[in-house]
N, C-alpha and C. Protein backbone atom coordinates (compact mmCIF):
# COMPACT_ATOMS: atom_id res chain seq x y z
N MET A 1 -36.78 16.71 -0.97
CA MET A 1 -37.05 15.22 -0.74
C MET A 1 -38.48 15.12 -0.50
N ARG A 2 -39.15 14.07 -1.10
CA ARG A 2 -40.45 13.80 -0.91
C ARG A 2 -40.63 12.54 -0.18
N GLN A 3 -41.63 12.54 0.82
CA GLN A 3 -41.80 11.28 1.71
C GLN A 3 -43.23 10.85 1.71
N LYS A 4 -43.46 9.62 2.00
CA LYS A 4 -44.89 9.11 2.12
C LYS A 4 -44.67 7.88 3.08
N ASP A 5 -45.65 7.87 4.01
CA ASP A 5 -45.73 6.72 5.05
C ASP A 5 -45.94 5.54 4.22
N TYR A 6 -45.44 4.40 4.77
CA TYR A 6 -45.77 2.98 4.23
C TYR A 6 -47.14 2.74 4.88
N PRO A 7 -48.02 2.10 4.01
CA PRO A 7 -49.41 1.78 4.54
C PRO A 7 -49.43 0.77 5.59
N THR A 8 -48.46 -0.29 5.56
CA THR A 8 -48.58 -1.37 6.53
C THR A 8 -47.53 -1.48 7.57
N HIS A 9 -46.50 -0.64 7.57
CA HIS A 9 -45.40 -0.70 8.52
C HIS A 9 -44.85 0.68 8.74
N ASP A 10 -43.98 0.79 9.83
CA ASP A 10 -43.33 1.87 10.21
C ASP A 10 -42.26 2.36 9.06
N GLY A 11 -41.92 3.62 9.04
CA GLY A 11 -41.04 4.09 8.22
C GLY A 11 -41.69 4.94 6.99
N ARG A 12 -40.84 5.35 6.19
CA ARG A 12 -41.42 6.20 4.94
C ARG A 12 -40.69 5.84 3.58
N ARG A 13 -41.43 5.81 2.63
CA ARG A 13 -40.79 5.84 1.29
C ARG A 13 -40.25 7.31 1.07
N VAL A 14 -39.07 7.24 0.35
CA VAL A 14 -38.54 8.58 -0.04
C VAL A 14 -38.08 8.73 -1.40
N TRP A 15 -38.28 9.91 -1.91
CA TRP A 15 -37.85 10.26 -3.27
C TRP A 15 -36.90 11.31 -3.16
N LEU A 16 -35.73 11.21 -3.49
CA LEU A 16 -34.68 12.26 -3.45
C LEU A 16 -34.82 13.17 -4.58
N THR A 17 -34.52 14.46 -4.52
CA THR A 17 -34.51 15.32 -5.71
C THR A 17 -33.11 15.05 -6.46
N ALA A 18 -33.00 15.54 -7.60
CA ALA A 18 -31.81 15.43 -8.34
C ALA A 18 -30.58 15.89 -7.61
N ASP A 19 -30.69 17.16 -6.94
CA ASP A 19 -29.70 17.78 -6.17
C ASP A 19 -29.36 16.82 -5.09
N GLU A 20 -30.29 16.27 -4.29
CA GLU A 20 -29.96 15.40 -3.21
C GLU A 20 -29.36 14.08 -3.71
N ALA A 21 -29.76 13.59 -4.85
CA ALA A 21 -28.98 12.39 -5.34
C ALA A 21 -27.59 12.72 -5.57
N GLU A 22 -27.36 13.96 -6.10
CA GLU A 22 -25.93 14.37 -6.30
C GLU A 22 -25.15 14.48 -4.97
N GLN A 23 -25.86 15.07 -3.91
CA GLN A 23 -25.30 15.16 -2.66
C GLN A 23 -24.92 13.76 -2.13
N LEU A 24 -25.73 12.77 -2.20
CA LEU A 24 -25.37 11.53 -1.75
C LEU A 24 -24.18 10.92 -2.56
N MET A 25 -24.22 11.00 -3.78
CA MET A 25 -23.25 10.50 -4.59
C MET A 25 -21.79 11.08 -4.26
N SER A 26 -21.96 12.43 -3.98
CA SER A 26 -20.63 13.13 -3.65
C SER A 26 -20.04 12.68 -2.30
N LYS A 27 -20.91 11.96 -1.39
CA LYS A 27 -20.47 11.53 -0.14
C LYS A 27 -19.77 10.19 -0.23
N THR A 28 -19.91 9.51 -1.35
CA THR A 28 -19.37 8.07 -1.44
C THR A 28 -17.86 8.09 -1.05
N ASP A 29 -17.52 7.00 -0.46
CA ASP A 29 -16.13 6.82 0.08
C ASP A 29 -15.49 5.54 -0.64
N GLY A 30 -14.71 5.80 -1.66
CA GLY A 30 -14.14 4.72 -2.32
C GLY A 30 -14.98 4.25 -3.57
N THR A 31 -14.18 3.59 -4.50
CA THR A 31 -14.78 3.21 -5.74
C THR A 31 -15.93 2.16 -5.57
N GLU A 32 -15.82 1.24 -4.67
CA GLU A 32 -16.81 0.22 -4.37
C GLU A 32 -18.01 0.77 -3.99
N GLU A 33 -18.06 1.67 -3.07
CA GLU A 33 -19.22 2.39 -2.57
C GLU A 33 -19.80 3.21 -3.62
N LYS A 34 -19.07 3.91 -4.48
CA LYS A 34 -19.53 4.69 -5.58
C LYS A 34 -20.33 3.77 -6.64
N LEU A 35 -19.74 2.62 -6.84
CA LEU A 35 -20.34 1.65 -7.75
C LEU A 35 -21.65 1.16 -7.11
N ALA A 36 -21.66 0.86 -5.87
CA ALA A 36 -22.97 0.37 -5.37
C ALA A 36 -24.11 1.28 -5.24
N PHE A 37 -23.66 2.50 -4.91
CA PHE A 37 -24.77 3.56 -4.86
C PHE A 37 -25.19 3.96 -6.25
N GLY A 38 -24.25 4.02 -7.12
CA GLY A 38 -24.47 4.36 -8.59
C GLY A 38 -25.28 3.42 -9.36
N LEU A 39 -25.13 2.11 -9.08
CA LEU A 39 -25.92 1.06 -9.71
C LEU A 39 -27.33 1.10 -9.17
N ALA A 40 -27.51 1.57 -7.99
CA ALA A 40 -28.90 1.75 -7.44
C ALA A 40 -29.59 3.05 -7.95
N LEU A 41 -28.77 4.15 -7.74
CA LEU A 41 -29.40 5.46 -8.00
C LEU A 41 -29.41 5.96 -9.54
N ARG A 42 -28.48 5.28 -10.26
CA ARG A 42 -28.21 5.73 -11.69
C ARG A 42 -28.78 4.74 -12.64
N CYS A 43 -28.97 3.46 -12.12
CA CYS A 43 -29.41 2.32 -13.03
C CYS A 43 -30.66 1.63 -12.49
N GLY A 44 -31.25 1.97 -11.35
CA GLY A 44 -32.37 1.43 -10.79
C GLY A 44 -32.26 0.01 -10.30
N LEU A 45 -31.16 -0.47 -9.88
CA LEU A 45 -30.99 -1.91 -9.40
C LEU A 45 -31.45 -1.96 -7.96
N ARG A 46 -31.96 -3.04 -7.62
CA ARG A 46 -32.25 -3.44 -6.27
C ARG A 46 -31.01 -3.74 -5.60
N VAL A 47 -30.97 -3.78 -4.27
CA VAL A 47 -29.62 -3.92 -3.55
C VAL A 47 -29.03 -5.37 -3.94
N GLU A 48 -29.93 -6.41 -3.96
CA GLU A 48 -29.50 -7.73 -4.38
C GLU A 48 -28.94 -7.76 -5.73
N GLU A 49 -29.39 -6.95 -6.54
CA GLU A 49 -28.98 -7.04 -8.03
C GLU A 49 -27.64 -6.21 -8.14
N VAL A 50 -27.54 -5.10 -7.24
CA VAL A 50 -26.21 -4.35 -7.20
C VAL A 50 -25.10 -5.29 -6.88
N CYS A 51 -25.26 -6.22 -5.99
CA CYS A 51 -24.30 -6.97 -5.38
C CYS A 51 -24.10 -8.23 -6.24
N SER A 52 -24.67 -8.38 -7.43
CA SER A 52 -24.62 -9.39 -8.37
C SER A 52 -23.91 -9.08 -9.74
N VAL A 53 -23.66 -7.77 -9.88
CA VAL A 53 -23.16 -7.28 -11.23
C VAL A 53 -21.66 -7.61 -11.33
N THR A 54 -21.44 -8.22 -12.48
CA THR A 54 -20.07 -8.58 -12.75
C THR A 54 -19.58 -7.66 -13.95
N PRO A 55 -18.24 -7.70 -14.32
CA PRO A 55 -17.90 -6.87 -15.40
C PRO A 55 -18.40 -7.18 -16.70
N VAL A 56 -18.76 -8.43 -16.97
CA VAL A 56 -19.40 -8.92 -18.28
C VAL A 56 -20.81 -8.50 -18.41
N ASP A 57 -21.46 -8.06 -17.25
CA ASP A 57 -22.79 -7.60 -17.36
C ASP A 57 -22.95 -6.26 -17.83
N ILE A 58 -21.83 -5.46 -17.96
CA ILE A 58 -21.92 -4.07 -18.50
C ILE A 58 -21.55 -4.18 -19.94
N VAL A 59 -22.46 -3.82 -20.81
CA VAL A 59 -22.24 -4.05 -22.33
C VAL A 59 -22.55 -2.73 -23.01
N ASP A 60 -22.02 -2.59 -24.18
CA ASP A 60 -22.31 -1.52 -25.09
C ASP A 60 -23.15 -2.02 -26.20
N THR A 61 -24.43 -1.60 -26.30
CA THR A 61 -25.37 -2.06 -27.33
C THR A 61 -25.64 -1.07 -28.33
N GLY A 62 -26.35 -1.37 -29.36
CA GLY A 62 -26.64 -0.29 -30.37
C GLY A 62 -27.36 0.88 -29.76
N ALA A 63 -27.99 0.67 -28.62
CA ALA A 63 -28.80 1.71 -27.99
C ALA A 63 -27.95 2.45 -26.89
N GLY A 64 -26.66 2.13 -26.64
CA GLY A 64 -25.94 2.67 -25.59
C GLY A 64 -25.37 1.63 -24.68
N GLU A 65 -24.83 2.07 -23.53
CA GLU A 65 -24.25 1.22 -22.57
C GLU A 65 -25.45 0.72 -21.58
N TYR A 66 -25.45 -0.56 -21.24
CA TYR A 66 -26.43 -1.17 -20.40
C TYR A 66 -25.81 -1.99 -19.40
N VAL A 67 -26.43 -2.25 -18.24
CA VAL A 67 -26.10 -3.24 -17.32
C VAL A 67 -27.11 -4.37 -17.47
N ARG A 68 -26.63 -5.52 -17.63
CA ARG A 68 -27.63 -6.73 -17.77
C ARG A 68 -27.93 -7.34 -16.22
N VAL A 69 -29.10 -7.30 -15.93
CA VAL A 69 -29.55 -7.92 -14.66
C VAL A 69 -29.90 -9.24 -15.01
N GLN A 70 -29.05 -10.19 -14.67
CA GLN A 70 -29.27 -11.62 -15.06
C GLN A 70 -30.34 -12.22 -14.26
N GLU A 71 -30.40 -11.95 -13.01
CA GLU A 71 -31.51 -12.68 -12.17
C GLU A 71 -32.03 -11.60 -11.27
N GLY A 72 -33.02 -10.75 -11.85
CA GLY A 72 -33.64 -9.82 -11.03
C GLY A 72 -34.78 -10.38 -10.26
N LYS A 73 -35.66 -9.63 -9.60
CA LYS A 73 -36.78 -10.07 -8.80
C LYS A 73 -37.52 -11.15 -9.69
N GLY A 74 -37.82 -12.24 -9.09
CA GLY A 74 -38.44 -13.39 -9.87
C GLY A 74 -37.63 -13.94 -10.96
N ASN A 75 -36.28 -13.80 -10.73
CA ASN A 75 -35.34 -14.36 -11.65
C ASN A 75 -35.67 -13.84 -13.18
N LYS A 76 -36.03 -12.65 -13.26
CA LYS A 76 -36.36 -12.18 -14.74
C LYS A 76 -35.25 -11.29 -15.02
N TYR A 77 -34.75 -11.48 -16.29
CA TYR A 77 -33.62 -10.75 -16.93
C TYR A 77 -34.21 -9.46 -17.41
N ARG A 78 -33.38 -8.50 -17.36
CA ARG A 78 -33.63 -7.17 -17.95
C ARG A 78 -32.37 -6.43 -18.15
N GLU A 79 -32.45 -5.40 -18.88
CA GLU A 79 -31.25 -4.47 -19.24
C GLU A 79 -31.67 -3.09 -18.86
N ALA A 80 -30.81 -2.44 -18.05
CA ALA A 80 -31.09 -0.98 -17.69
C ALA A 80 -29.86 -0.10 -18.18
N PRO A 81 -30.12 0.99 -18.60
CA PRO A 81 -29.04 1.93 -19.04
C PRO A 81 -28.16 2.23 -17.94
N ILE A 82 -26.85 2.37 -18.26
CA ILE A 82 -25.85 2.86 -17.32
C ILE A 82 -25.17 4.04 -17.84
N PRO A 83 -24.96 5.09 -17.11
CA PRO A 83 -24.24 6.29 -17.47
C PRO A 83 -22.82 5.79 -17.83
N HIS A 84 -22.19 6.48 -18.85
CA HIS A 84 -21.02 6.12 -19.32
C HIS A 84 -19.81 6.26 -18.27
N ALA A 85 -19.93 7.25 -17.46
CA ALA A 85 -18.94 7.51 -16.31
C ALA A 85 -18.93 6.38 -15.42
N LEU A 86 -20.10 5.87 -15.08
CA LEU A 86 -20.26 4.75 -14.10
C LEU A 86 -19.72 3.42 -14.81
N SER A 87 -19.98 3.28 -16.11
CA SER A 87 -19.47 2.20 -16.77
C SER A 87 -17.94 2.20 -16.75
N GLU A 88 -17.36 3.38 -17.06
CA GLU A 88 -15.85 3.51 -17.06
C GLU A 88 -15.29 3.15 -15.69
N THR A 89 -16.00 3.62 -14.70
CA THR A 89 -15.51 3.44 -13.21
C THR A 89 -15.65 1.89 -12.98
N ALA A 90 -16.67 1.26 -13.39
CA ALA A 90 -16.67 -0.28 -13.17
C ALA A 90 -15.59 -0.92 -13.87
N SER A 91 -15.30 -0.44 -15.19
CA SER A 91 -14.24 -1.18 -15.93
C SER A 91 -12.89 -0.95 -15.35
N ALA A 92 -12.62 0.29 -14.89
CA ALA A 92 -11.29 0.63 -14.22
C ALA A 92 -11.21 -0.15 -12.88
N PHE A 93 -12.31 -0.21 -12.12
CA PHE A 93 -12.14 -0.89 -10.85
C PHE A 93 -11.83 -2.41 -11.06
N ALA A 94 -12.57 -2.90 -12.05
CA ALA A 94 -12.31 -4.47 -12.35
C ALA A 94 -10.84 -4.62 -12.75
N ASP A 95 -10.27 -3.73 -13.63
CA ASP A 95 -8.84 -3.87 -14.01
C ASP A 95 -7.83 -3.65 -12.90
N VAL A 96 -8.12 -2.68 -12.03
CA VAL A 96 -7.24 -2.37 -10.97
C VAL A 96 -7.40 -3.46 -9.87
N GLY A 97 -8.65 -3.71 -9.64
CA GLY A 97 -8.82 -4.88 -8.51
C GLY A 97 -8.64 -6.30 -8.90
N ASP A 98 -8.21 -6.47 -10.24
CA ASP A 98 -8.12 -7.88 -10.73
C ASP A 98 -9.37 -8.62 -10.57
N VAL A 99 -10.50 -7.91 -10.86
CA VAL A 99 -11.83 -8.69 -10.72
C VAL A 99 -11.99 -9.52 -12.01
N ALA A 100 -12.21 -10.74 -11.98
CA ALA A 100 -12.40 -11.66 -13.10
C ALA A 100 -13.80 -11.24 -13.76
N PRO A 101 -13.90 -11.56 -15.11
CA PRO A 101 -15.18 -11.08 -15.76
C PRO A 101 -16.37 -11.59 -15.14
N ASP A 102 -16.32 -12.76 -14.50
CA ASP A 102 -17.55 -13.31 -13.90
C ASP A 102 -17.64 -13.11 -12.39
N GLU A 103 -16.73 -12.38 -11.85
CA GLU A 103 -16.87 -12.01 -10.41
C GLU A 103 -17.57 -10.71 -10.11
N THR A 104 -18.30 -10.73 -8.97
CA THR A 104 -19.01 -9.51 -8.70
C THR A 104 -18.10 -8.28 -8.35
N LEU A 105 -18.56 -7.15 -8.76
CA LEU A 105 -17.87 -5.93 -8.55
C LEU A 105 -17.85 -5.49 -7.09
N ILE A 106 -19.01 -5.69 -6.44
CA ILE A 106 -19.13 -5.45 -4.95
C ILE A 106 -18.50 -6.72 -4.25
N ARG A 107 -17.32 -6.53 -3.69
CA ARG A 107 -16.47 -7.67 -3.22
C ARG A 107 -16.15 -7.45 -1.75
N SER A 108 -16.59 -6.50 -1.03
CA SER A 108 -16.19 -6.20 0.39
C SER A 108 -16.53 -7.29 1.31
N GLU A 109 -17.55 -8.11 0.90
CA GLU A 109 -17.98 -9.14 1.82
C GLU A 109 -18.02 -10.55 0.99
N ALA A 110 -18.10 -11.64 1.78
CA ALA A 110 -17.80 -12.89 1.22
C ALA A 110 -18.99 -13.50 0.57
N THR A 111 -20.23 -13.09 1.03
CA THR A 111 -21.35 -13.77 0.49
C THR A 111 -22.33 -12.73 -0.13
N PRO A 112 -23.25 -13.07 -0.87
CA PRO A 112 -24.22 -12.08 -1.42
C PRO A 112 -25.01 -11.40 -0.24
N SER A 113 -25.44 -12.19 0.67
CA SER A 113 -26.27 -11.61 1.66
C SER A 113 -25.47 -10.64 2.60
N SER A 114 -24.16 -10.96 2.79
CA SER A 114 -23.31 -10.04 3.67
C SER A 114 -22.97 -8.81 2.81
N ALA A 115 -22.92 -8.98 1.44
CA ALA A 115 -22.61 -7.84 0.60
C ALA A 115 -23.86 -6.82 0.61
N THR A 116 -25.03 -7.38 0.66
CA THR A 116 -26.16 -6.42 0.68
C THR A 116 -26.15 -5.76 2.15
N ARG A 117 -25.88 -6.41 3.11
CA ARG A 117 -25.79 -5.69 4.45
C ARG A 117 -24.64 -4.65 4.43
N TRP A 118 -23.55 -4.88 3.69
CA TRP A 118 -22.35 -3.90 3.55
C TRP A 118 -23.03 -2.73 2.88
N VAL A 119 -23.74 -2.90 1.71
CA VAL A 119 -24.40 -1.68 1.08
C VAL A 119 -25.26 -0.90 2.06
N GLN A 120 -26.14 -1.59 2.77
CA GLN A 120 -27.04 -1.02 3.67
C GLN A 120 -26.44 -0.14 4.70
N ARG A 121 -25.33 -0.89 5.27
CA ARG A 121 -24.55 -0.05 6.34
C ARG A 121 -23.85 1.09 5.77
N ARG A 122 -23.26 0.94 4.60
CA ARG A 122 -22.55 2.17 4.02
C ARG A 122 -23.63 3.34 3.80
N LEU A 123 -24.83 2.91 3.29
CA LEU A 123 -25.77 3.95 2.99
C LEU A 123 -26.21 4.59 4.30
N GLU A 124 -26.34 3.90 5.41
CA GLU A 124 -26.78 4.35 6.57
C GLU A 124 -25.70 5.46 7.07
N ARG A 125 -24.37 5.09 6.98
CA ARG A 125 -23.33 6.12 7.31
C ARG A 125 -23.64 7.44 6.45
N ARG A 126 -23.69 7.32 5.24
CA ARG A 126 -23.74 8.51 4.29
C ARG A 126 -25.15 9.27 4.67
N ARG A 127 -26.22 8.57 4.89
CA ARG A 127 -27.53 9.41 5.02
C ARG A 127 -27.31 10.04 6.53
N ASP A 128 -26.62 9.34 7.54
CA ASP A 128 -26.47 10.06 8.77
C ASP A 128 -25.64 11.36 8.69
N GLU A 129 -24.59 11.29 7.85
CA GLU A 129 -23.74 12.40 7.61
C GLU A 129 -24.57 13.44 6.96
N LEU A 130 -25.46 13.18 5.98
CA LEU A 130 -26.19 14.30 5.34
C LEU A 130 -27.42 14.77 6.28
N ARG A 131 -27.87 13.91 7.07
CA ARG A 131 -28.90 14.30 8.02
C ARG A 131 -28.33 15.46 8.92
N SER A 132 -27.04 15.06 9.41
CA SER A 132 -26.34 15.96 10.33
C SER A 132 -26.02 17.35 9.69
N GLU A 133 -25.54 17.28 8.44
CA GLU A 133 -25.14 18.48 7.71
C GLU A 133 -26.33 19.38 7.29
N THR A 134 -27.31 18.71 6.89
CA THR A 134 -28.49 19.43 6.25
C THR A 134 -29.57 19.84 7.21
N LYS A 135 -29.62 19.09 8.33
CA LYS A 135 -30.65 19.14 9.40
C LYS A 135 -31.98 18.77 8.85
N ASP A 136 -31.97 17.89 7.78
CA ASP A 136 -33.15 17.30 7.15
C ASP A 136 -33.41 15.95 7.80
N GLU A 137 -34.43 15.87 8.57
CA GLU A 137 -34.69 14.58 9.24
C GLU A 137 -35.12 13.41 8.25
N GLY A 138 -35.51 13.79 7.04
CA GLY A 138 -35.97 12.81 6.04
C GLY A 138 -34.84 11.78 5.64
N TRP A 139 -33.62 12.33 5.85
CA TRP A 139 -32.48 11.35 5.51
C TRP A 139 -32.54 10.14 6.29
N ARG A 140 -32.99 10.16 7.45
CA ARG A 140 -32.95 9.03 8.32
C ARG A 140 -33.88 7.90 7.81
N PHE A 141 -34.66 8.15 6.88
CA PHE A 141 -35.62 7.06 6.42
C PHE A 141 -35.08 6.61 5.05
N VAL A 142 -33.98 7.04 4.48
CA VAL A 142 -33.57 6.61 3.19
C VAL A 142 -32.90 5.26 3.25
N THR A 143 -33.32 4.38 2.34
CA THR A 143 -32.94 2.96 2.36
C THR A 143 -32.33 2.69 0.86
N PRO A 144 -31.70 1.65 0.65
CA PRO A 144 -31.23 1.29 -0.73
C PRO A 144 -32.43 1.38 -1.72
N HIS A 145 -33.52 0.85 -1.21
CA HIS A 145 -34.71 0.72 -2.16
C HIS A 145 -35.07 2.12 -2.68
N ASP A 146 -34.99 3.13 -1.69
CA ASP A 146 -35.33 4.44 -2.09
C ASP A 146 -34.48 5.05 -3.35
N LEU A 147 -33.36 4.53 -3.40
CA LEU A 147 -32.40 5.04 -4.47
C LEU A 147 -33.08 4.58 -5.79
N ARG A 148 -33.58 3.23 -5.82
CA ARG A 148 -34.20 2.80 -7.05
C ARG A 148 -35.55 3.57 -7.26
N ARG A 149 -36.20 3.83 -6.28
CA ARG A 149 -37.46 4.62 -6.34
C ARG A 149 -37.19 6.01 -6.91
N THR A 150 -36.11 6.63 -6.50
CA THR A 150 -35.70 7.93 -6.84
C THR A 150 -35.28 7.82 -8.38
N TRP A 151 -34.59 6.83 -8.76
CA TRP A 151 -34.19 6.63 -10.20
C TRP A 151 -35.33 6.71 -11.06
N GLY A 152 -36.37 5.97 -10.80
CA GLY A 152 -37.60 5.87 -11.61
C GLY A 152 -38.29 7.35 -11.64
N GLN A 153 -38.38 8.05 -10.55
CA GLN A 153 -38.99 9.32 -10.64
C GLN A 153 -38.18 10.27 -11.42
N LEU A 154 -36.86 10.21 -11.33
CA LEU A 154 -35.90 11.19 -12.03
C LEU A 154 -36.07 11.01 -13.52
N LEU A 155 -36.14 9.62 -13.89
CA LEU A 155 -36.32 9.41 -15.36
C LEU A 155 -37.67 9.99 -15.83
N LEU A 156 -38.68 9.84 -15.08
CA LEU A 156 -40.05 10.39 -15.48
C LEU A 156 -39.95 11.89 -15.45
N ASP A 157 -39.40 12.53 -14.46
CA ASP A 157 -39.12 14.01 -14.55
C ASP A 157 -38.38 14.52 -15.77
N ASP A 158 -37.53 13.68 -16.19
CA ASP A 158 -36.77 14.12 -17.42
C ASP A 158 -37.57 13.87 -18.64
N GLY A 159 -38.71 13.26 -18.64
CA GLY A 159 -39.56 13.06 -19.70
C GLY A 159 -39.43 11.57 -20.45
N VAL A 160 -38.75 10.57 -19.77
CA VAL A 160 -38.74 9.35 -20.30
C VAL A 160 -40.14 8.63 -20.19
N GLU A 161 -40.49 8.15 -21.30
CA GLU A 161 -41.86 7.52 -21.42
C GLU A 161 -42.16 6.45 -20.31
N PRO A 162 -43.18 6.44 -19.70
CA PRO A 162 -43.40 5.57 -18.51
C PRO A 162 -43.18 4.18 -18.86
N GLY A 163 -43.72 3.63 -20.01
CA GLY A 163 -43.47 2.22 -20.51
C GLY A 163 -42.01 1.84 -20.46
N MET A 164 -41.15 2.82 -20.93
CA MET A 164 -39.71 2.61 -21.05
C MET A 164 -39.12 2.48 -19.61
N VAL A 165 -39.57 3.28 -18.67
CA VAL A 165 -39.09 3.24 -17.34
C VAL A 165 -39.43 1.94 -16.74
N MET A 166 -40.62 1.51 -16.96
CA MET A 166 -41.09 0.17 -16.49
C MET A 166 -40.26 -0.95 -17.06
N GLU A 167 -39.90 -0.89 -18.26
CA GLU A 167 -39.08 -1.91 -18.89
C GLU A 167 -37.65 -1.92 -18.40
N TRP A 168 -37.11 -0.77 -18.33
CA TRP A 168 -35.65 -0.66 -17.77
C TRP A 168 -35.59 -1.09 -16.25
N GLY A 169 -36.81 -0.84 -15.59
CA GLY A 169 -36.78 -1.17 -14.02
C GLY A 169 -37.33 -2.55 -13.77
N GLY A 170 -37.76 -3.18 -14.73
CA GLY A 170 -38.33 -4.65 -14.56
C GLY A 170 -39.72 -4.60 -13.94
N TRP A 171 -40.47 -3.50 -14.10
CA TRP A 171 -41.81 -3.51 -13.64
C TRP A 171 -42.74 -3.94 -14.67
N GLU A 172 -43.72 -4.79 -14.33
CA GLU A 172 -44.68 -5.30 -15.38
C GLU A 172 -46.11 -4.76 -15.10
N ASP A 173 -46.32 -4.42 -13.75
CA ASP A 173 -47.74 -4.03 -13.34
C ASP A 173 -47.71 -2.55 -13.20
N TRP A 174 -48.56 -1.87 -13.99
CA TRP A 174 -48.64 -0.40 -13.87
C TRP A 174 -49.24 0.07 -12.43
N GLU A 175 -50.11 -0.68 -11.86
CA GLU A 175 -50.73 -0.27 -10.67
C GLU A 175 -49.70 -0.35 -9.55
N THR A 176 -48.89 -1.34 -9.54
CA THR A 176 -47.83 -1.45 -8.44
C THR A 176 -46.80 -0.39 -8.78
N PHE A 177 -46.25 -0.20 -9.95
CA PHE A 177 -45.41 0.81 -10.34
C PHE A 177 -46.04 2.22 -9.81
N ARG A 178 -47.19 2.48 -10.08
CA ARG A 178 -47.71 3.84 -9.77
C ARG A 178 -47.81 3.98 -8.22
N GLU A 179 -48.34 3.05 -7.57
CA GLU A 179 -48.55 3.11 -6.10
C GLU A 179 -47.31 3.11 -5.31
N HIS A 180 -46.27 2.30 -5.70
CA HIS A 180 -45.14 2.09 -4.81
C HIS A 180 -43.95 2.91 -5.30
N TYR A 181 -43.95 3.46 -6.45
CA TYR A 181 -42.80 4.08 -6.96
C TYR A 181 -43.03 5.53 -7.39
N LEU A 182 -44.22 5.85 -7.74
CA LEU A 182 -44.61 7.12 -8.10
C LEU A 182 -45.80 7.71 -7.21
N GLY A 183 -45.62 7.41 -5.90
CA GLY A 183 -46.64 7.71 -4.99
C GLY A 183 -46.71 9.15 -4.65
N VAL A 184 -45.75 9.98 -5.11
CA VAL A 184 -45.83 11.38 -4.86
C VAL A 184 -45.41 12.09 -6.10
N TYR A 185 -45.85 13.29 -6.31
CA TYR A 185 -45.35 14.08 -7.47
C TYR A 185 -44.01 14.71 -7.06
N SER A 186 -43.23 14.85 -8.04
CA SER A 186 -41.91 15.44 -7.87
C SER A 186 -41.92 16.83 -7.49
N VAL A 187 -40.90 17.33 -6.94
CA VAL A 187 -40.72 18.79 -6.52
C VAL A 187 -40.91 19.69 -7.77
N ALA A 188 -40.23 19.30 -8.79
CA ALA A 188 -40.39 20.03 -10.04
C ALA A 188 -41.82 20.18 -10.50
N LYS A 189 -42.52 19.09 -10.49
CA LYS A 189 -43.97 19.04 -10.91
C LYS A 189 -44.85 19.99 -9.94
N GLN A 190 -44.59 19.84 -8.67
CA GLN A 190 -45.38 20.55 -7.67
C GLN A 190 -45.05 22.03 -7.89
N ARG A 191 -43.86 22.43 -8.20
CA ARG A 191 -43.40 23.82 -8.39
C ARG A 191 -44.18 24.38 -9.58
N GLU A 192 -44.21 23.53 -10.61
CA GLU A 192 -44.79 23.91 -11.92
C GLU A 192 -46.29 24.15 -11.67
N GLU A 193 -47.06 23.22 -10.91
CA GLU A 193 -48.45 23.41 -10.70
C GLU A 193 -48.87 24.56 -9.66
N ARG A 194 -47.83 24.88 -8.71
CA ARG A 194 -48.14 25.99 -7.79
C ARG A 194 -48.09 27.26 -8.59
N GLY A 195 -47.20 27.30 -9.64
CA GLY A 195 -47.08 28.44 -10.44
C GLY A 195 -48.27 28.85 -11.24
N LYS A 196 -49.27 27.97 -11.32
CA LYS A 196 -50.48 28.23 -11.95
C LYS A 196 -51.55 28.91 -11.09
N VAL A 197 -51.20 28.98 -9.77
CA VAL A 197 -52.08 29.44 -8.83
C VAL A 197 -51.60 30.87 -8.33
N GLY A 198 -52.44 31.79 -8.56
CA GLY A 198 -52.03 33.27 -8.40
C GLY A 198 -51.71 33.52 -6.92
N PHE A 199 -52.41 32.95 -5.99
CA PHE A 199 -52.18 33.37 -4.57
C PHE A 199 -51.13 32.54 -3.84
N LEU A 200 -50.49 31.63 -4.70
CA LEU A 200 -49.34 30.90 -4.08
C LEU A 200 -48.04 31.56 -4.52
């Protein structure tokens, strides 16, 4: 896990490694929580966007399966790729839970604002469990937005072209993207660079 202090307030930005992302997903309790964390960590959605996804927002296009973010930050539409397994989970959950096509998948709370708090509380529980199990104090800083941050970094680590990551994530300004989302080099990149130095 990589961490960096916020420049203007307390706390830290966190980038999970691929293994830590898997650890977090393995801790999910119930399908709704799995969907909430998955939409953030595997699709790059903000917590408000996670809580707005409906079954009709998940579509199969010529380029694969995508989740349509109808009203992202600044009310800007975008499409982000969704893993097939997560898409199937959403479809099955909608069928079993009798979720109408235009109803949100995250339904534990009555209003969008209470749904975002539900996601935040659930993540706090899981990060506290992982902090206790791993003895890594970094877990205490993990927020829903760090799941989005991690998603962007993991895509870049896997070689996705930065412009494509920005399009999928809804980022228009390279400087903001670089400063707030790519503020640290990944563990894999650091390992690669250390390997070039004989005395390390």
